Amino acid sequence: MRLLILVLGLTVTLSACQTVRVASEKFDFQTPYYYSHTYMYRGEYKEKRSGSAEVFLPDGIETTKKHPAIVIAHGASGIGKQQFWWRDRLLDRGFIVAMIDSYTNRGLTNTIMEPFAVTHEEMIGDAFMTLERLAKNPLVDTKRIGIMGGSRGGITALYSGMKGVREKFIDSNVEYAFHISKYPYCGFYPLGMKTTGKPTLLMAGAKDDLTWAVHCQRFVEKAKAAGNTNITYVEYPNVGHSIDNPSIINLPTPTFTMRFWSPNDCYFEQREDGIFYEGISGRSTLTKEDRAAIREYGGICEKQKNPTVTFIRPPSEVVDDARRKILDFVKPFEGAK
C-alpha cells in the first residue's frame, strides 16, 4: 500500500509541475452507447451518453493557414501526466490538440476495476464525435487529423481505423489520417480485418501483462493478410505496460504491482453472423448475460478473481526510442498550409 501511495503521490507531484495551458474550446457531445463490438458493428443502441473534449492551440498559431491536428484518447486512469506530456510536445510541433474526456460527464474518474462502466465502443465513439467537431474548426486541415492513445486509449486509436466503424457514429465523411496506438488490447478481430488504410503505428511491450502483446501480433498478422500493409508494429522486449508514461518511467522501484482488470486470456472473433464470439469460452458477446458469463469464467477472462498487474519501469533508452518513433511518425503531417 505504501508503494501505491508513493506512485500516486509521484503522479500528483509531476502533474503539478506540468505546463499550464488554457483550452481554446471545450465541448460536450452525445455518443451512441454500444455495449459490445457486436452491437457497434450492427449499429444498434438504445441510448446516448455524454463525453467531452478540450481543444488547445499552438502558441502564435497563424490564423490564415490550415494546421494539422491530433486527438488524444486517455486510458483507464483518465487524463493525466502522460496525456499532458504528449499534448505539450505536439503543440510545440504545430499540431492543434484535442483531448478527449470519456469519464467526467459519465460520473467517473477511472475504469480500472470497472471496465464496463464505459465501454471500449463508447470511447471509440467519443473519438469520432471529437473528430467531427474538430473538423469544423476553420484552423484545422481536415486531411491531417490523427489520433493517439495508450492502453484503453490505444484501443480507441487502433479500432477507429477499422473500415466501417466511423459510420456507426457520425454521418460526416471526415476520417482520421493516421493512428498511433500504444500498448492497447488488440484482441478484437472483425470479419475481414479491413482497415481504412491510413498509416498506423502500433507499439507493445513483450512483457506487458495488462494487455498482452500476443494479441497485437495476431492483429497485425490478420490485418496484413487481409491486405492492410500500412501498419508499423514495434514490440519492445523485456518491457511492460505504459512504455512512455512518466509515472511509470519514474517508479521508485523497478516494478510495481496493483489490482487491475485486464482482458488477457480473451480474444473476440466476428463470425459470418456478425456476432463476436469469445475464443476461450465460445460465448457470444450479444447480450449482457453473455458478457457476464464470460466475466464469471474468470473475471473478463482472467483466471483469478482479484487480478493484479505488474508495471515495469522501462529503461530510458526504450522510452527515448518509443517517443522518437512517435515523433518521427507524425513528422510528415506537420506544417501550416
Protein backbone atom coordinates (compact mmCIF):
# COMPACT_ATOMS: atom_id res chain seq x y z
CA MET A 1 0.00 0.00 0.00
CA ARG A 2 2.87 2.35 0.81
CA LEU A 3 4.25 1.93 -2.71
CA LEU A 4 0.85 2.68 -4.20
CA ILE A 5 0.75 5.92 -2.23
CA LEU A 6 4.24 6.78 -3.38
CA VAL A 7 3.35 6.17 -7.02
CA LEU A 8 0.12 8.12 -6.80
CA GLY A 9 1.94 10.89 -4.97
CA LEU A 10 4.56 10.97 -7.69
CA THR A 11 1.86 11.31 -10.31
CA VAL A 12 0.29 14.24 -8.50
CA THR A 13 3.66 15.91 -7.97
CA LEU A 14 4.62 15.57 -11.61
CA SER A 15 1.23 16.80 -12.78
CA ALA A 16 1.59 19.87 -10.59
CA CYS A 17 4.77 20.76 -12.48
CA GLN A 18 3.03 20.45 -15.83
CA THR A 19 2.91 23.43 -18.18
CA VAL A 20 -0.33 25.33 -17.69
CA ARG A 21 -2.31 25.55 -20.92
CA VAL A 22 -5.67 27.19 -21.46
CA ALA A 23 -8.06 25.41 -23.80
CA SER A 24 -9.36 27.49 -26.69
CA GLU A 25 -12.57 25.48 -26.75
CA LYS A 26 -14.39 22.87 -24.68
CA PHE A 27 -17.41 20.98 -25.98
CA ASP A 28 -19.73 18.17 -24.99
CA PHE A 29 -21.21 15.54 -27.28
CA GLN A 30 -23.62 12.63 -27.14
CA THR A 31 -22.16 9.25 -28.12
CA PRO A 32 -24.16 6.12 -29.00
CA TYR A 33 -23.84 3.65 -26.13
CA TYR A 34 -22.86 0.35 -27.71
CA TYR A 35 -22.47 -2.41 -25.14
CA SER A 36 -20.17 -4.56 -27.27
CA HIS A 37 -18.42 -4.83 -30.62
CA THR A 38 -21.34 -6.89 -31.89
CA TYR A 39 -23.82 -4.10 -31.28
CA MET A 40 -21.41 -1.49 -32.64
CA TYR A 41 -21.00 -3.30 -35.95
CA ARG A 42 -24.76 -3.76 -36.14
CA GLY A 43 -25.32 -0.08 -35.37
CA GLU A 44 -27.80 -0.98 -32.61
CA TYR A 45 -28.04 1.14 -29.46
CA LYS A 46 -30.81 2.31 -27.12
CA GLU A 47 -29.32 5.48 -25.69
CA LYS A 48 -26.56 8.03 -25.97
CA ARG A 49 -24.24 9.18 -23.20
CA SER A 50 -22.21 12.33 -22.79
CA GLY A 51 -18.50 12.82 -23.30
CA SER A 52 -16.39 15.94 -23.72
CA ALA A 53 -13.19 17.29 -25.22
CA GLU A 54 -10.91 20.29 -24.93
CA VAL A 55 -9.03 21.88 -27.81
CA PHE A 56 -5.60 23.50 -27.43
CA LEU A 57 -3.87 25.72 -29.99
CA PRO A 58 -0.11 26.09 -30.53
CA ASP A 59 1.41 29.35 -29.32
CA GLY A 60 1.45 32.01 -32.03
CA ILE A 61 -0.68 29.99 -34.42
CA GLU A 62 -1.14 31.53 -37.87
CA THR A 63 -4.86 32.13 -38.24
CA THR A 64 -4.72 32.50 -42.02
CA LYS A 65 -3.49 28.94 -42.56
CA LYS A 66 -4.65 25.38 -42.01
CA HIS A 67 -2.93 23.25 -39.40
CA PRO A 68 -2.61 19.55 -38.58
CA ALA A 69 -4.45 18.26 -35.54
CA ILE A 70 -4.31 15.26 -33.27
CA VAL A 71 -6.87 13.77 -30.91
CA ILE A 72 -5.55 12.25 -27.68
CA ALA A 73 -7.57 9.44 -26.08
CA HIS A 74 -6.85 8.60 -22.43
CA GLY A 75 -6.61 5.22 -20.74
CA ALA A 76 -8.42 3.59 -17.82
CA SER A 77 -6.92 6.04 -15.33
CA GLY A 78 -8.35 9.06 -17.14
CA ILE A 79 -6.47 12.19 -18.21
CA GLY A 80 -3.09 12.51 -16.53
CA LYS A 81 0.58 13.31 -16.86
CA GLN A 82 1.07 11.12 -19.92
CA GLN A 83 -1.61 12.91 -21.96
CA PHE A 84 -0.36 16.33 -20.88
CA TRP A 85 3.22 15.43 -21.80
CA TRP A 86 2.18 14.49 -25.33
CA ARG A 87 -0.15 17.47 -25.62
CA ASP A 88 2.73 19.86 -24.99
CA ARG A 89 5.15 18.11 -27.35
CA LEU A 90 2.62 18.05 -30.16
CA LEU A 91 1.63 21.68 -29.62
CA ASP A 92 5.31 22.58 -29.89
CA ARG A 93 5.34 20.83 -33.27
CA GLY A 94 2.43 22.90 -34.56
CA PHE A 95 -0.42 20.45 -34.01
CA ILE A 96 -3.80 21.57 -32.76
CA VAL A 97 -4.56 19.12 -29.94
CA ALA A 98 -7.95 17.84 -28.80
CA MET A 99 -8.03 15.88 -25.53
CA ILE A 100 -10.99 13.58 -25.02
CA ASP A 101 -12.52 13.12 -21.57
CA SER A 102 -14.62 9.96 -21.67
CA TYR A 103 -15.24 9.81 -17.92
CA THR A 104 -16.19 13.10 -16.24
CA ASN A 105 -19.58 13.60 -17.90
CA ARG A 106 -20.39 9.94 -17.20
CA GLY A 107 -19.73 10.44 -13.49
CA LEU A 108 -16.41 8.57 -13.37
CA THR A 109 -12.76 9.26 -12.70
CA ASN A 110 -11.41 5.90 -13.91
CA THR A 111 -12.43 2.39 -15.00
CA ILE A 112 -9.50 0.48 -13.54
CA MET A 113 -11.69 -2.07 -11.76
CA GLU A 114 -14.95 -1.45 -13.64
CA PRO A 115 -14.13 -1.93 -17.33
CA PHE A 116 -17.79 -1.96 -18.42
CA ALA A 117 -18.65 1.37 -16.74
CA VAL A 118 -17.61 2.97 -20.03
CA THR A 119 -17.27 0.53 -22.90
CA HIS A 120 -14.43 0.41 -25.40
CA GLU A 121 -17.03 1.05 -28.07
CA GLU A 122 -18.20 4.24 -26.37
CA MET A 123 -14.65 5.52 -26.24
CA ILE A 124 -14.22 4.76 -29.94
CA GLY A 125 -17.41 6.74 -30.48
CA ASP A 126 -16.07 9.63 -28.42
CA ALA A 127 -13.12 9.75 -30.81
CA PHE A 128 -15.41 10.11 -33.81
CA MET A 129 -17.61 12.71 -32.13
CA THR A 130 -14.46 14.70 -31.38
CA LEU A 131 -13.18 14.24 -34.94
CA GLU A 132 -16.43 15.53 -36.40
CA ARG A 133 -16.41 18.61 -34.20
CA LEU A 134 -12.70 19.29 -34.69
CA ALA A 135 -13.12 19.13 -38.48
CA LYS A 136 -15.43 22.15 -38.26
CA ASN A 137 -12.68 24.31 -36.76
CA PRO A 138 -11.56 26.73 -39.52
CA LEU A 139 -7.92 26.39 -38.41
CA VAL A 140 -7.85 22.62 -38.86
CA ASP A 141 -6.74 20.84 -42.01
CA THR A 142 -9.34 18.06 -42.20
CA LYS A 143 -6.97 15.88 -44.25
CA ARG A 144 -4.38 15.88 -41.44
CA ILE A 145 -6.24 14.92 -38.28
CA GLY A 146 -4.71 11.98 -36.43
CA ILE A 147 -5.42 10.12 -33.21
CA MET A 148 -3.16 8.80 -30.48
CA GLY A 149 -3.85 6.85 -27.31
CA GLY A 150 -2.30 4.42 -24.85
CA SER A 151 -3.81 1.35 -23.19
CA ARG A 152 -7.60 1.87 -23.30
CA GLY A 153 -6.91 4.94 -25.40
CA GLY A 154 -4.79 2.71 -27.60
CA ILE A 155 -7.84 0.56 -28.27
CA THR A 156 -9.64 3.74 -29.32
CA ALA A 157 -6.79 4.78 -31.59
CA LEU A 158 -6.47 1.33 -33.17
CA TYR A 159 -10.10 0.39 -33.78
CA SER A 160 -11.12 3.84 -35.00
CA GLY A 161 -9.05 2.79 -38.01
CA MET A 162 -11.21 -0.22 -38.87
CA LYS A 163 -13.29 0.09 -42.01
CA GLY A 164 -17.00 0.63 -41.42
CA VAL A 165 -16.75 1.78 -37.79
CA ARG A 166 -16.92 5.54 -38.41
CA GLU A 167 -20.37 5.21 -39.99
CA LYS A 168 -21.74 3.74 -36.75
CA PHE A 169 -21.20 7.09 -35.03
CA ILE A 170 -21.15 10.00 -37.49
CA ASP A 171 -22.57 10.82 -40.91
CA SER A 172 -19.66 13.03 -41.93
CA ASN A 173 -17.13 11.58 -44.38
CA VAL A 174 -14.16 13.00 -42.44
CA GLU A 175 -11.77 10.29 -41.26
CA TYR A 176 -8.57 10.01 -39.29
CA ALA A 177 -5.43 10.49 -41.37
CA PHE A 178 -3.20 8.45 -39.05
CA HIS A 179 -3.38 6.30 -35.93
CA ILE A 180 -0.89 5.89 -33.07
CA SER A 181 -1.86 3.03 -30.77
CA LYS A 182 0.36 2.40 -27.75
CA TYR A 183 0.15 -0.88 -25.78
CA PRO A 184 -3.57 -1.47 -26.48
CA TYR A 185 -5.64 -4.60 -26.06
CA CYS A 186 -5.71 -5.91 -29.64
CA GLY A 187 -8.00 -8.91 -29.15
CA PHE A 188 -11.00 -7.86 -31.29
CA TYR A 189 -10.86 -9.38 -34.77
CA PRO A 190 -13.61 -8.11 -37.10
CA LEU A 191 -14.59 -10.30 -40.04
CA GLY A 192 -12.32 -9.46 -42.98
CA MET A 193 -9.97 -7.34 -40.84
CA LYS A 194 -10.23 -4.40 -43.22
CA THR A 195 -8.77 -1.08 -42.09
CA THR A 196 -9.21 2.37 -43.62
CA GLY A 197 -5.70 2.01 -45.00
CA LYS A 198 -4.38 5.03 -43.13
CA PRO A 199 -0.87 4.88 -41.62
CA THR A 200 -0.92 3.13 -38.25
CA LEU A 201 1.83 2.87 -35.64
CA LEU A 202 1.18 0.08 -33.13
CA MET A 203 3.50 -0.30 -30.12
CA ALA A 204 3.63 -3.02 -27.45
CA GLY A 205 5.81 -4.38 -24.68
CA ALA A 206 6.66 -8.09 -24.81
CA LYS A 207 6.27 -8.42 -21.01
CA ASP A 208 3.06 -6.44 -20.74
CA ASP A 209 0.73 -8.47 -18.51
CA LEU A 210 -2.10 -5.93 -18.69
CA THR A 211 -2.54 -6.02 -22.47
CA TRP A 212 -0.68 -8.97 -23.92
CA ALA A 213 1.47 -8.36 -26.96
CA VAL A 214 0.41 -11.69 -28.48
CA HIS A 215 -2.97 -10.20 -29.34
CA CYS A 216 -1.28 -7.33 -31.20
CA GLN A 217 0.96 -9.78 -33.04
CA ARG A 218 -2.14 -11.66 -34.13
CA PHE A 219 -3.95 -8.43 -35.07
CA VAL A 220 -1.08 -7.35 -37.33
CA GLU A 221 -0.83 -10.79 -38.94
CA LYS A 222 -4.54 -10.88 -39.67
CA ALA A 223 -4.66 -7.27 -40.89
CA LYS A 224 -1.69 -7.69 -43.22
CA ALA A 225 -3.05 -10.98 -44.54
CA ALA A 226 -6.21 -9.06 -45.45
CA GLY A 227 -4.15 -6.58 -47.49
CA ASN A 228 -3.59 -3.83 -44.93
CA THR A 229 0.09 -3.08 -45.39
CA ASN A 230 0.18 0.42 -43.90
CA ILE A 231 0.77 -0.82 -40.34
CA THR A 232 4.06 -0.40 -38.49
CA TYR A 233 4.39 -2.71 -35.49
CA VAL A 234 7.02 -2.13 -32.81
CA GLU A 235 7.43 -4.56 -29.90
CA TYR A 236 9.96 -3.92 -27.16
CA PRO A 237 11.45 -6.97 -25.39
CA ASN A 238 11.59 -7.06 -21.57
CA VAL A 239 9.23 -4.09 -21.34
CA GLY A 240 5.78 -3.95 -19.76
CA HIS A 241 2.78 -1.63 -19.94
CA SER A 242 2.85 2.18 -20.30
CA ILE A 243 6.20 2.46 -22.05
CA ASP A 244 6.02 6.25 -22.26
CA ASN A 245 4.05 7.10 -19.11
CA PRO A 246 6.07 9.48 -16.89
CA SER A 247 4.52 7.94 -13.75
CA ILE A 248 5.87 4.50 -14.76
CA ILE A 249 9.18 5.86 -16.02
CA ASN A 250 9.77 7.46 -12.61
CA LEU A 251 8.73 4.49 -10.46
CA PRO A 252 10.80 4.48 -7.24
CA THR A 253 11.27 0.71 -7.64
CA PRO A 254 11.91 -1.47 -10.74
CA THR A 255 8.40 -2.95 -10.57
CA PHE A 256 5.04 -2.11 -9.04
CA THR A 257 2.01 -4.40 -8.66
CA MET A 258 -1.60 -3.29 -8.27
CA ARG A 259 -5.13 -4.60 -8.76
CA PHE A 260 -6.27 -4.04 -12.31
CA TRP A 261 -8.85 -5.78 -14.54
CA SER A 262 -7.50 -6.98 -17.86
CA PRO A 263 -8.84 -8.99 -20.83
CA ASN A 264 -5.60 -11.01 -21.14
CA ASP A 265 -6.72 -14.57 -21.99
CA CYS A 266 -9.70 -13.38 -24.03
CA TYR A 267 -9.96 -12.68 -27.71
CA PHE A 268 -13.09 -11.97 -29.75
CA GLU A 269 -13.63 -13.02 -33.35
CA GLN A 270 -16.51 -11.90 -35.54
CA ARG A 271 -18.19 -14.70 -37.49
CA GLU A 272 -20.37 -14.68 -40.59
CA ASP A 273 -23.47 -14.00 -38.48
CA GLY A 274 -21.91 -10.67 -37.45
CA ILE A 275 -21.57 -11.65 -33.81
CA PHE A 276 -18.26 -11.51 -31.94
CA TYR A 277 -17.56 -14.76 -30.11
CA GLU A 278 -15.09 -15.06 -27.26
CA GLY A 279 -12.44 -17.54 -28.32
CA ILE A 280 -11.82 -19.19 -24.95
CA SER A 281 -15.34 -19.71 -23.63
CA GLY A 282 -17.09 -19.82 -27.02
CA ARG A 283 -19.77 -17.45 -25.72
CA SER A 284 -21.19 -14.68 -27.88
CA THR A 285 -20.96 -11.03 -26.85
CA LEU A 286 -24.50 -10.22 -27.93
CA THR A 287 -26.16 -9.90 -24.54
CA LYS A 288 -25.28 -8.66 -21.08
CA GLU A 289 -25.79 -12.20 -19.87
CA ASP A 290 -23.15 -13.48 -22.27
CA ARG A 291 -20.70 -10.82 -21.14
CA ALA A 292 -21.47 -11.67 -17.52
CA ALA A 293 -20.87 -15.36 -18.22
CA ILE A 294 -17.53 -14.58 -19.87
CA ARG A 295 -16.55 -12.48 -16.88
CA GLU A 296 -17.66 -15.21 -14.45
CA TYR A 297 -15.45 -17.62 -16.38
CA GLY A 298 -12.61 -15.75 -14.75
CA GLY A 299 -13.21 -12.03 -14.44
CA ILE A 300 -13.26 -10.85 -18.06
CA CYS A 301 -11.17 -13.91 -18.93
CA GLU A 302 -8.75 -13.53 -16.04
CA LYS A 303 -8.11 -16.77 -14.17
CA GLN A 304 -8.07 -15.08 -10.76
CA LYS A 305 -10.90 -13.27 -9.03
CA ASN A 306 -8.71 -10.42 -7.85
CA PRO A 307 -6.33 -9.87 -10.75
CA THR A 308 -3.16 -7.88 -10.42
CA VAL A 309 -0.87 -6.26 -12.97
CA THR A 310 2.84 -5.66 -12.55
CA PHE A 311 4.20 -2.49 -14.11
CA ILE A 312 7.87 -2.50 -15.09
CA ARG A 313 10.00 0.63 -15.09
CA PRO A 314 11.29 0.82 -18.69
CA PRO A 315 14.94 1.59 -19.49
CA SER A 316 15.50 5.21 -20.52
CA GLU A 317 16.74 4.12 -23.95
CA VAL A 318 13.43 2.35 -24.61
CA VAL A 319 11.46 5.41 -23.52
CA ASP A 320 13.55 7.66 -25.75
CA ASP A 321 13.24 5.30 -28.70
CA ALA A 322 9.44 4.98 -28.37
CA ARG A 323 8.99 8.73 -28.14
CA ARG A 324 11.32 9.31 -31.09
CA LYS A 325 9.44 6.80 -33.22
CA ILE A 326 6.15 8.53 -32.49
CA LEU A 327 7.52 11.99 -33.28
CA ASP A 328 9.10 10.67 -36.49
CA PHE A 329 5.77 9.07 -37.41
CA VAL A 330 3.85 12.37 -37.18
CA LYS A 331 6.52 14.42 -38.96
CA PRO A 332 5.04 14.01 -42.47
CA PHE A 333 1.81 15.62 -41.24
CA GLU A 334 3.45 18.70 -39.70
CA GLY A 335 3.38 22.25 -41.01
CA ALA A 336 0.90 25.07 -41.67
CA LYS A 337 -0.51 25.27 -45.19
